Amino acid sequence: MRWTESLRFRLLAGAAVWVALALMLAGWIIADLFQTHVRQRFEAELTNHLEQLAAVLEIGPDGRPALRQPLSDPRFRRPLSGLYWQVGESGDEPLRSRSLWDSVLNLPDDRGEDGSLHRHDAAGPANQSLFVLERFVLLPERAEPIRIAVAADRAELAGVTRAFNATLALSLAVLATALIAAALIQVQIGLRPLSRLRGALADVRAGRKKRFDVAMPTEVRPLVEDLNALLAHAEEIVGRGRLQAGNLAHALKTNLAVLANEAATLDERNARAVGAAMVRQVELMRRHVDHHMARARAAAARGVPGISTPVPDCVAALARVMRKLHAAKALDIRVDAADGLLFAGEREDLDEMLGNLLDNACKWARGRVEVTGRKEDGGMLSVTLDDDGPGLPDDCREAALEPGVRLDESTPGTGLGLAVVRDVARLYGGDIQLGASPLGGLRATLRLPAA
């Protein structure tokens, strides 16, 4: 078996894929949210520095801008610290922070409304990539607005984001490992009932147990119950097979003894009479074999799902055969079976039962036989056969269903036909009843499970 066909592999692979996709999506969203937050905080910090710069800015006695006091952040006083400020235009020897050392901020030549913020990207000292925030402010001592700007190295923002992303990736990797391990444990626990079922199957095959333990999870219990039902059905079939074999052997033993006696007395004088008796015994044995074979077949087919036989087709075929078999009587055989009527069993068994009943009706009928098939409540169907023959008295109807009973010795037969019908019908969970027919003869009602 290939490992890709393993249910455990499929569950784990599916869990790993979905965990990976979910964590990758979550990581991308968290990283983007963090980067946006850091950028907003970065810009807010520069805005505070810009507002502080505007608050301490004044015009000195020489008419040039000056600061009443230094800005609070010590990075403005450390050379090339990555945080800078500048007052004035780039080409006019602007006032600038000590952190710029001997450099100036190269600001673009633009001019907006007084007080509005402008954002730029610019090159800074030591090849730094700077984010610049600037505005124009108007001081009371000066008619022209003054340009002030603060700038910060983007490397600081990138470093914070990079460190966070590395920590986030490591955390998500650990979380993915933990989730996959949890999925592995879950799959192991979830599939444990199947492992138990496999072990129970080995015990059943080895003969250590006859049935599976039904103490299983809800999802597995129907399977276990079906397996137990299948084992019970197989055991019942084996038991019935043994019983049928014993019954058949017992039935044939008597007939074989009679055949042996007839053969021992066979000579030229009584050859015709003994031969006829032997033929009757052979026919009787054949009927016994058919009887027990029908019982065995019905026992094996009972309860097997998916088996169905159309009743109208079977009755119509038997009616055609009986019209030819009893052509000398010119019988009027009428069939009325509902369309879609299905018997939950084998075609051979239905032919056996209806064939015996229809043949019996045709033997005794004077000129008319009616067959009616209908669906009943409770998942059963009924097939009723009426004839216009002499019928049977009430006290003889039950006896007619016993094996080997013949109420009229003048009519050919072995007395097994109705017994076969009742045995096979009962094996399927049905039955047969004999009663008076509206046509004046015998009514046989066969009830069977419907598919």
Protein backbone atom coordinates (compact mmCIF):
# COMPACT_ATOMS: atom_id res chain seq x y z
CA MET A 1 0.00 0.00 0.00
CA ARG A 2 1.32 3.41 -0.97
CA TRP A 3 1.72 5.95 1.82
CA THR A 4 -0.45 8.42 -0.12
CA GLU A 5 -3.39 6.02 0.31
CA SER A 6 -3.12 6.17 4.09
CA LEU A 7 -6.01 7.87 5.85
CA ARG A 8 -3.60 9.04 8.56
CA PHE A 9 -1.34 10.67 5.96
CA ARG A 10 -4.28 12.40 4.28
CA LEU A 11 -5.54 13.83 7.55
CA LEU A 12 -2.07 15.00 8.61
CA ALA A 13 -1.25 16.44 5.18
CA GLY A 14 -4.57 18.29 5.09
CA ALA A 15 -4.03 19.65 8.60
CA ALA A 16 -0.44 20.71 7.79
CA VAL A 17 -1.50 22.50 4.61
CA TRP A 18 -4.31 24.38 6.27
CA VAL A 19 -2.20 25.27 9.32
CA ALA A 20 0.57 26.57 7.06
CA LEU A 21 -1.84 28.62 4.93
CA ALA A 22 -3.66 30.01 7.95
CA LEU A 23 -0.47 30.99 9.76
CA MET A 24 1.07 32.51 6.63
CA LEU A 25 -2.03 34.63 6.12
CA ALA A 26 -2.11 35.59 9.79
CA GLY A 27 1.62 36.43 9.71
CA TRP A 28 1.22 38.63 6.65
CA ILE A 29 -1.71 40.50 8.23
CA ILE A 30 0.08 40.95 11.58
CA ALA A 31 3.30 42.11 9.88
CA ASP A 32 1.40 44.60 7.75
CA LEU A 33 -0.52 45.91 10.75
CA PHE A 34 2.69 46.27 12.77
CA GLN A 35 4.50 48.05 9.94
CA THR A 36 1.60 50.47 9.56
CA HIS A 37 1.56 51.10 13.30
CA VAL A 38 5.32 51.68 13.48
CA ARG A 39 5.18 54.02 10.49
CA GLN A 40 2.39 55.99 12.12
CA ARG A 41 4.30 56.19 15.40
CA PHE A 42 7.45 57.17 13.50
CA GLU A 43 5.62 60.00 11.76
CA ALA A 44 3.91 61.06 14.99
CA GLU A 45 7.30 61.32 16.72
CA LEU A 46 8.67 63.50 13.92
CA THR A 47 5.53 65.65 14.11
CA ASN A 48 6.17 66.20 17.83
CA HIS A 49 9.77 67.18 17.11
CA LEU A 50 8.60 69.55 14.39
CA GLU A 51 6.08 71.20 16.70
CA GLN A 52 8.75 71.51 19.44
CA LEU A 53 11.12 73.08 16.91
CA ALA A 54 8.46 75.61 15.90
CA ALA A 55 7.76 76.42 19.56
CA VAL A 56 11.39 77.31 20.46
CA LEU A 57 12.14 79.13 17.19
CA GLU A 58 12.66 82.94 17.32
CA ILE A 59 14.38 85.76 15.42
CA GLY A 60 17.68 86.84 16.94
CA PRO A 61 19.06 90.40 17.22
CA ASP A 62 20.89 89.90 13.92
CA GLY A 63 17.62 89.10 12.17
CA ARG A 64 18.49 85.45 11.76
CA PRO A 65 16.44 82.56 13.20
CA ALA A 66 17.64 81.06 16.48
CA LEU A 67 16.42 78.63 19.13
CA ARG A 68 15.56 79.86 22.61
CA GLN A 69 16.57 76.43 23.96
CA PRO A 70 17.85 73.17 22.49
CA LEU A 71 15.42 70.39 21.61
CA SER A 72 14.97 67.76 24.27
CA ASP A 73 16.01 64.67 22.27
CA PRO A 74 19.78 64.13 22.76
CA ARG A 75 20.10 62.52 19.33
CA PHE A 76 19.92 65.99 17.78
CA ARG A 77 23.27 66.75 19.44
CA ARG A 78 25.03 63.50 18.49
CA PRO A 79 26.69 63.60 15.05
CA LEU A 80 25.13 61.34 12.42
CA SER A 81 22.66 59.97 14.95
CA GLY A 82 19.94 59.55 12.35
CA LEU A 83 17.69 62.31 13.76
CA TYR A 84 18.07 65.82 12.36
CA TRP A 85 16.43 69.26 12.19
CA GLN A 86 16.96 72.23 9.95
CA VAL A 87 15.63 75.83 9.77
CA GLY A 88 15.78 77.80 6.52
CA GLU A 89 16.52 76.99 2.90
CA SER A 90 19.27 74.57 1.97
CA GLY A 91 21.36 77.09 0.01
CA ASP A 92 21.31 79.93 2.56
CA GLU A 93 23.46 78.42 5.33
CA PRO A 94 20.42 77.22 7.26
CA LEU A 95 20.31 76.76 11.02
CA ARG A 96 20.65 73.02 11.65
CA SER A 97 21.13 70.43 14.36
CA ARG A 98 24.59 69.39 15.51
CA SER A 99 23.75 65.84 14.40
CA LEU A 100 23.98 67.00 10.77
CA TRP A 101 27.62 68.03 11.44
CA ASP A 102 28.74 69.79 8.27
CA SER A 103 25.86 68.55 6.06
CA VAL A 104 22.54 70.09 5.18
CA LEU A 105 19.20 68.58 4.25
CA ASN A 106 18.60 68.80 0.52
CA LEU A 107 14.94 69.76 0.51
CA PRO A 108 12.93 69.95 -2.71
CA ASP A 109 12.03 73.36 -4.10
CA ASP A 110 8.38 73.48 -3.17
CA ARG A 111 6.26 75.76 -1.06
CA GLY A 112 2.90 74.94 0.42
CA GLU A 113 0.43 76.75 2.53
CA ASP A 114 1.61 78.00 5.90
CA GLY A 115 1.27 75.35 8.58
CA SER A 116 0.64 72.41 6.22
CA LEU A 117 2.87 69.38 6.60
CA HIS A 118 5.02 68.11 3.75
CA ARG A 119 6.57 64.66 3.54
CA HIS A 120 9.66 63.88 1.51
CA ASP A 121 12.31 61.24 1.00
CA ALA A 122 15.83 62.64 0.91
CA ALA A 123 19.44 61.53 1.02
CA GLY A 124 21.19 62.26 4.30
CA PRO A 125 24.71 62.17 5.61
CA ALA A 126 26.62 58.88 5.43
CA ASN A 127 24.33 57.72 2.62
CA GLN A 128 21.37 57.52 4.96
CA SER A 129 17.87 57.33 3.50
CA LEU A 130 15.85 59.96 5.35
CA PHE A 131 12.16 60.56 5.84
CA VAL A 132 11.61 64.34 6.02
CA LEU A 133 8.70 66.15 7.58
CA GLU A 134 8.55 69.94 7.03
CA ARG A 135 6.30 72.97 7.20
CA PHE A 136 6.45 76.75 6.78
CA VAL A 137 5.85 78.86 9.89
CA LEU A 138 5.31 82.60 10.16
CA LEU A 139 7.02 84.37 13.06
CA PRO A 140 5.79 87.75 14.39
CA GLU A 141 9.19 89.38 13.85
CA ARG A 142 9.40 88.33 10.21
CA ALA A 143 7.18 88.97 7.22
CA GLU A 144 8.28 85.91 5.26
CA PRO A 145 7.51 82.40 6.55
CA ILE A 146 10.46 80.27 7.59
CA ARG A 147 10.95 76.67 6.44
CA ILE A 148 11.53 74.17 9.24
CA ALA A 149 12.14 70.45 8.82
CA VAL A 150 12.94 67.36 10.86
CA ALA A 151 14.26 64.14 9.39
CA ALA A 152 14.94 60.59 10.60
CA ASP A 153 16.84 57.68 9.14
CA ARG A 154 14.53 55.02 7.66
CA ALA A 155 17.01 52.33 8.73
CA GLU A 156 15.66 52.61 12.28
CA LEU A 157 12.11 51.95 11.04
CA ALA A 158 13.33 49.06 8.86
CA GLY A 159 15.35 47.60 11.75
CA VAL A 160 12.35 47.60 14.09
CA THR A 161 10.16 46.03 11.42
CA ARG A 162 12.81 43.44 10.53
CA ALA A 163 13.29 42.44 14.17
CA PHE A 164 9.55 42.15 14.70
CA ASN A 165 9.12 40.05 11.53
CA ALA A 166 11.91 37.71 12.60
CA THR A 167 10.33 37.25 16.02
CA LEU A 168 6.92 36.82 14.42
CA ALA A 169 8.22 34.21 11.96
CA LEU A 170 9.89 32.25 14.75
CA SER A 171 6.74 32.42 16.88
CA LEU A 172 4.53 31.28 14.01
CA ALA A 173 6.94 28.45 13.20
CA VAL A 174 6.78 27.26 16.81
CA LEU A 175 3.00 27.60 16.75
CA ALA A 176 2.79 25.65 13.46
CA THR A 177 4.93 22.88 14.93
CA ALA A 178 2.72 22.75 18.02
CA LEU A 179 -0.47 22.70 15.93
CA ILE A 180 0.82 19.95 13.65
CA ALA A 181 1.91 17.95 16.69
CA ALA A 182 -1.56 18.48 18.17
CA ALA A 183 -3.09 17.37 14.86
CA LEU A 184 -0.89 14.26 14.91
CA ILE A 185 -2.05 13.42 18.43
CA GLN A 186 -5.65 14.11 17.45
CA VAL A 187 -5.38 11.87 14.39
CA GLN A 188 -3.78 9.11 16.46
CA ILE A 189 -6.55 9.33 19.05
CA GLY A 190 -9.26 9.71 16.41
CA LEU A 191 -8.12 6.67 14.40
CA ARG A 192 -7.53 4.50 17.45
CA PRO A 193 -11.04 2.93 17.17
CA LEU A 194 -10.13 1.77 13.66
CA SER A 195 -6.97 0.17 15.04
CA ARG A 196 -9.09 -1.53 17.70
CA LEU A 197 -11.49 -2.66 14.98
CA ARG A 198 -8.59 -4.10 13.01
CA GLY A 199 -7.41 -6.01 16.07
CA ALA A 200 -10.95 -7.24 16.72
CA LEU A 201 -11.14 -8.41 13.10
CA ALA A 202 -7.95 -10.40 13.60
CA ASP A 203 -9.50 -11.98 16.71
CA VAL A 204 -12.66 -12.87 14.79
CA ARG A 205 -10.68 -14.38 11.92
CA ALA A 206 -8.56 -16.36 14.38
CA GLY A 207 -11.68 -17.65 16.13
CA ARG A 208 -10.91 -16.00 19.47
CA LYS A 209 -14.12 -13.95 19.23
CA LYS A 210 -17.42 -14.41 17.45
CA ARG A 211 -18.54 -10.78 17.41
CA PHE A 212 -17.08 -7.27 17.41
CA ASP A 213 -17.25 -5.12 20.51
CA VAL A 214 -19.94 -2.46 19.96
CA ALA A 215 -18.39 -0.10 22.54
CA MET A 216 -17.16 2.20 19.77
CA PRO A 217 -17.59 5.90 18.95
CA THR A 218 -20.87 6.96 17.39
CA GLU A 219 -19.34 7.29 13.92
CA VAL A 220 -17.90 3.75 13.94
CA ARG A 221 -20.70 1.99 15.79
CA PRO A 222 -23.01 1.57 12.73
CA LEU A 223 -20.15 -0.14 10.88
CA VAL A 224 -19.52 -2.47 13.83
CA GLU A 225 -23.23 -3.27 14.09
CA ASP A 226 -23.39 -4.03 10.36
CA LEU A 227 -20.34 -6.29 10.65
CA ASN A 228 -21.90 -8.11 13.59
CA ALA A 229 -25.13 -8.50 11.62
CA LEU A 230 -23.13 -9.87 8.69
CA LEU A 231 -21.36 -12.35 10.97
CA ALA A 232 -24.67 -13.40 12.50
CA HIS A 233 -26.14 -13.83 9.03
CA ALA A 234 -23.17 -15.91 7.91
CA GLU A 235 -23.38 -18.03 11.05
CA GLU A 236 -27.10 -18.52 10.50
CA ILE A 237 -26.48 -19.53 6.88
CA VAL A 238 -23.88 -22.09 7.98
CA GLY A 239 -26.24 -23.45 10.63
CA ARG A 240 -29.13 -23.67 8.22
CA GLY A 241 -26.87 -25.27 5.64
CA ARG A 242 -25.91 -27.98 8.10
CA LEU A 243 -29.55 -28.49 9.07
CA GLN A 244 -30.68 -28.64 5.45
CA ALA A 245 -27.89 -31.07 4.62
CA GLY A 246 -28.97 -33.30 7.50
CA ASN A 247 -32.63 -33.12 6.54
CA LEU A 248 -31.82 -33.85 2.91
CA ALA A 249 -29.64 -36.81 3.87
CA HIS A 250 -32.40 -38.18 6.10
CA ALA A 251 -35.03 -37.72 3.36
CA LEU A 252 -32.87 -39.35 0.71
CA LYS A 253 -31.81 -42.23 2.96
CA THR A 254 -35.36 -43.60 3.15
CA ASN A 255 -35.95 -43.28 -0.57
CA LEU A 256 -32.60 -44.87 -1.37
CA ALA A 257 -33.50 -47.81 0.88
CA VAL A 258 -36.81 -48.21 -0.99
CA LEU A 259 -34.93 -48.06 -4.31
CA ALA A 260 -32.50 -50.72 -3.09
CA ASN A 261 -35.38 -53.01 -2.09
CA GLU A 262 -37.15 -52.47 -5.42
CA ALA A 263 -33.93 -53.15 -7.31
CA ALA A 264 -33.41 -56.38 -5.32
CA THR A 265 -36.86 -57.67 -6.33
CA LEU A 266 -36.51 -56.64 -9.96
CA ASP A 267 -36.88 -59.49 -12.50
CA GLU A 268 -38.48 -60.02 -15.87
CA ARG A 269 -41.92 -60.70 -14.48
CA ASN A 270 -42.33 -57.54 -12.41
CA ALA A 271 -40.01 -55.19 -14.35
CA ARG A 272 -42.81 -52.82 -15.41
CA ALA A 273 -44.33 -52.46 -11.94
CA VAL A 274 -40.97 -52.18 -10.14
CA GLY A 275 -39.69 -49.73 -12.77
CA ALA A 276 -42.69 -47.45 -12.22
CA ALA A 277 -42.13 -47.58 -8.45
CA MET A 278 -38.47 -46.72 -8.91
CA VAL A 279 -39.38 -43.77 -11.15
CA ARG A 280 -41.75 -42.50 -8.45
CA GLN A 281 -38.99 -42.78 -5.85
CA VAL A 282 -36.52 -40.95 -8.08
CA GLU A 283 -39.08 -38.19 -8.68
CA LEU A 284 -39.73 -37.98 -4.96
CA MET A 285 -36.00 -37.68 -4.29
CA ARG A 286 -35.74 -34.95 -6.93
CA ARG A 287 -38.54 -33.02 -5.24
CA HIS A 288 -36.79 -33.45 -1.88
CA VAL A 289 -33.59 -32.08 -3.38
CA ASP A 290 -35.48 -29.14 -4.92
CA HIS A 291 -37.24 -28.54 -1.62
CA HIS A 292 -34.07 -28.38 0.42
CA MET A 293 -32.18 -26.44 -2.23
CA ALA A 294 -34.93 -23.82 -2.24
CA ARG A 295 -34.81 -23.58 1.54
CA ALA A 296 -31.02 -23.23 1.49
CA ARG A 297 -31.12 -20.58 -1.24
CA ALA A 298 -33.80 -18.60 0.57
CA ALA A 299 -31.89 -18.78 3.84
CA ALA A 300 -28.77 -17.46 2.13
CA ALA A 301 -30.58 -14.62 0.32
CA ARG A 302 -32.65 -13.45 3.29
CA GLY A 303 -31.55 -10.06 4.59
CA VAL A 304 -29.02 -9.47 1.82
CA PRO A 305 -29.43 -5.85 0.63
CA GLY A 306 -29.89 -4.94 -3.02
CA ILE A 307 -31.76 -8.10 -4.09
CA SER A 308 -35.10 -7.49 -5.81
CA THR A 309 -37.32 -9.30 -8.32
CA PRO A 310 -40.17 -7.73 -10.38
CA VAL A 311 -43.34 -9.60 -9.44
CA PRO A 312 -45.39 -8.75 -12.61
CA ASP A 313 -42.67 -10.14 -14.91
CA CYS A 314 -42.40 -13.36 -12.90
CA VAL A 315 -46.18 -13.92 -12.77
CA ALA A 316 -46.62 -13.19 -16.48
CA ALA A 317 -43.86 -15.65 -17.43
CA LEU A 318 -45.34 -18.38 -15.22
CA ALA A 319 -48.82 -17.77 -16.63
CA ARG A 320 -47.52 -18.33 -20.19
CA VAL A 321 -45.87 -21.59 -19.12
CA MET A 322 -49.02 -22.84 -17.35
CA ARG A 323 -51.23 -22.07 -20.36
CA LYS A 324 -49.02 -24.35 -22.45
CA LEU A 325 -48.65 -27.00 -19.72
CA HIS A 326 -52.42 -27.21 -19.17
CA ALA A 327 -53.43 -26.46 -22.73
CA ALA A 328 -55.88 -29.38 -22.75
CA LYS A 329 -58.06 -27.63 -20.14
CA ALA A 330 -58.11 -24.27 -22.06
CA LEU A 331 -57.80 -22.35 -18.79
CA ASP A 332 -58.52 -18.61 -18.57
CA ILE A 333 -55.54 -17.37 -16.49
CA ARG A 334 -55.87 -13.71 -15.62
CA VAL A 335 -52.98 -11.69 -14.13
CA ASP A 336 -53.39 -8.37 -12.31
CA ALA A 337 -50.12 -7.33 -10.65
CA ALA A 338 -49.36 -3.70 -9.82
CA ASP A 339 -46.55 -2.09 -11.78
CA GLY A 340 -43.33 -1.59 -9.84
CA LEU A 341 -44.12 -4.37 -7.37
CA LEU A 342 -40.76 -5.80 -6.25
CA PHE A 343 -40.00 -8.84 -4.13
CA ALA A 344 -36.98 -8.54 -1.82
CA GLY A 345 -35.47 -11.87 -2.78
CA GLU A 346 -34.12 -14.09 -5.54
CA ARG A 347 -35.98 -14.68 -8.82
CA GLU A 348 -35.53 -18.48 -8.47
CA ASP A 349 -37.28 -18.48 -5.08
CA LEU A 350 -40.22 -16.42 -6.35
CA ASP A 351 -40.52 -18.71 -9.37
CA GLU A 352 -40.46 -21.73 -7.04
CA MET A 353 -43.22 -20.41 -4.79
CA LEU A 354 -45.53 -18.95 -7.45
CA GLY A 355 -44.86 -21.86 -9.81
CA ASN A 356 -46.04 -24.39 -7.21
CA LEU A 357 -49.12 -22.33 -6.31
CA LEU A 358 -50.08 -21.60 -9.92
CA ASP A 359 -49.52 -25.20 -10.97
CA ASN A 360 -51.66 -26.39 -8.06
CA ALA A 361 -54.44 -23.93 -9.01
CA CYS A 362 -54.33 -25.00 -12.65
CA LYS A 363 -54.53 -28.69 -11.71
CA TRP A 364 -57.76 -28.19 -9.77
CA ALA A 365 -59.35 -25.33 -11.70
CA ARG A 366 -62.32 -26.08 -13.97
CA GLY A 367 -61.69 -23.18 -16.34
CA ARG A 368 -60.50 -19.99 -14.59
CA VAL A 369 -57.53 -18.86 -12.49
CA GLU A 370 -56.90 -15.31 -11.26
CA VAL A 371 -53.57 -13.96 -9.93
CA THR A 372 -53.53 -10.59 -8.11
CA GLY A 373 -50.43 -8.81 -6.75
CA ARG A 374 -50.65 -5.80 -4.44
CA LYS A 375 -48.40 -3.77 -2.10
CA GLU A 376 -49.35 -3.87 1.58
CA ASP A 377 -48.50 -1.68 4.54
CA GLY A 378 -45.48 -2.52 6.64
CA GLY A 379 -43.14 -3.23 3.74
CA MET A 380 -44.92 -6.39 2.60
CA LEU A 381 -46.60 -7.49 -0.63
CA SER A 382 -49.26 -10.10 -1.30
CA VAL A 383 -49.91 -12.35 -4.27
CA THR A 384 -53.37 -13.95 -4.28
CA LEU A 385 -54.23 -16.96 -6.48
CA ASP A 386 -57.92 -17.91 -6.93
CA ASP A 387 -59.34 -20.86 -8.86
CA ASP A 388 -62.83 -22.13 -9.60
CA GLY A 389 -62.07 -25.71 -8.61
CA PRO A 390 -63.61 -27.79 -5.81
CA GLY A 391 -61.59 -26.05 -3.08
CA LEU A 392 -60.63 -27.48 0.32
CA PRO A 393 -62.62 -27.89 3.51
CA ASP A 394 -61.51 -25.76 6.47
CA ASP A 395 -60.14 -28.71 8.43
CA CYS A 396 -57.93 -29.84 5.50
CA ARG A 397 -56.23 -26.53 4.64
CA GLU A 398 -53.56 -26.65 7.32
CA ALA A 399 -52.79 -30.31 6.61
CA ALA A 400 -52.30 -29.49 2.91
CA LEU A 401 -49.27 -27.36 3.85
CA GLU A 402 -47.45 -30.24 5.55
CA PRO A 403 -44.63 -32.03 3.63
CA GLY A 404 -45.73 -35.22 1.85
CA VAL A 405 -49.46 -34.80 2.52
CA ARG A 406 -51.65 -35.57 -0.51
CA LEU A 407 -55.40 -35.15 -0.02
CA ASP A 408 -56.22 -36.72 -3.38
CA GLU A 409 -54.08 -39.67 -4.47
CA SER A 410 -55.64 -39.66 -7.92
CA THR A 411 -53.90 -36.43 -8.84
CA PRO A 412 -50.17 -36.67 -9.75
CA GLY A 413 -47.74 -35.13 -7.26
CA THR A 414 -45.47 -35.66 -4.29
CA GLY A 415 -47.16 -33.54 -1.67
CA LEU A 416 -44.14 -31.23 -1.32
CA GLY A 417 -45.26 -28.24 -3.40
CA LEU A 418 -47.22 -26.28 -0.79
CA ALA A 419 -44.75 -27.25 1.92
CA VAL A 420 -41.91 -25.79 -0.15
CA VAL A 421 -43.90 -22.58 -0.62
CA ARG A 422 -44.54 -22.18 3.10
CA ASP A 423 -40.94 -23.01 4.11
CA VAL A 424 -39.39 -20.59 1.62
CA ALA A 425 -41.92 -17.84 2.42
CA ARG A 426 -41.27 -18.13 6.16
CA LEU A 427 -37.52 -18.04 5.60
CA TYR A 428 -38.04 -14.64 3.94
CA GLY A 429 -40.24 -13.48 6.81
CA GLY A 430 -43.54 -14.08 4.98
CA ASP A 431 -46.18 -16.81 5.02
CA ILE A 432 -48.95 -18.45 3.04
CA GLN A 433 -52.64 -18.77 3.92
CA LEU A 434 -55.32 -20.95 2.34
CA GLY A 435 -58.95 -19.92 2.24
CA ALA A 436 -62.15 -19.94 0.24
CA SER A 437 -62.06 -18.19 -3.14
CA PRO A 438 -64.83 -15.94 -4.47
CA LEU A 439 -64.62 -18.06 -7.65
CA GLY A 440 -65.77 -21.09 -5.65
CA GLY A 441 -62.46 -22.90 -5.33
CA LEU A 442 -59.32 -22.36 -3.24
CA ARG A 443 -57.63 -19.04 -2.50
CA ALA A 444 -53.90 -19.06 -1.72
CA THR A 445 -52.50 -15.78 -0.36
CA LEU A 446 -48.71 -15.48 -0.39
CA ARG A 447 -47.22 -12.63 1.70
CA LEU A 448 -43.60 -11.68 1.11
CA PRO A 449 -41.27 -8.76 1.93
CA ALA A 450 -41.35 -5.97 -0.65
CA ALA A 451 -38.17 -4.36 -1.94
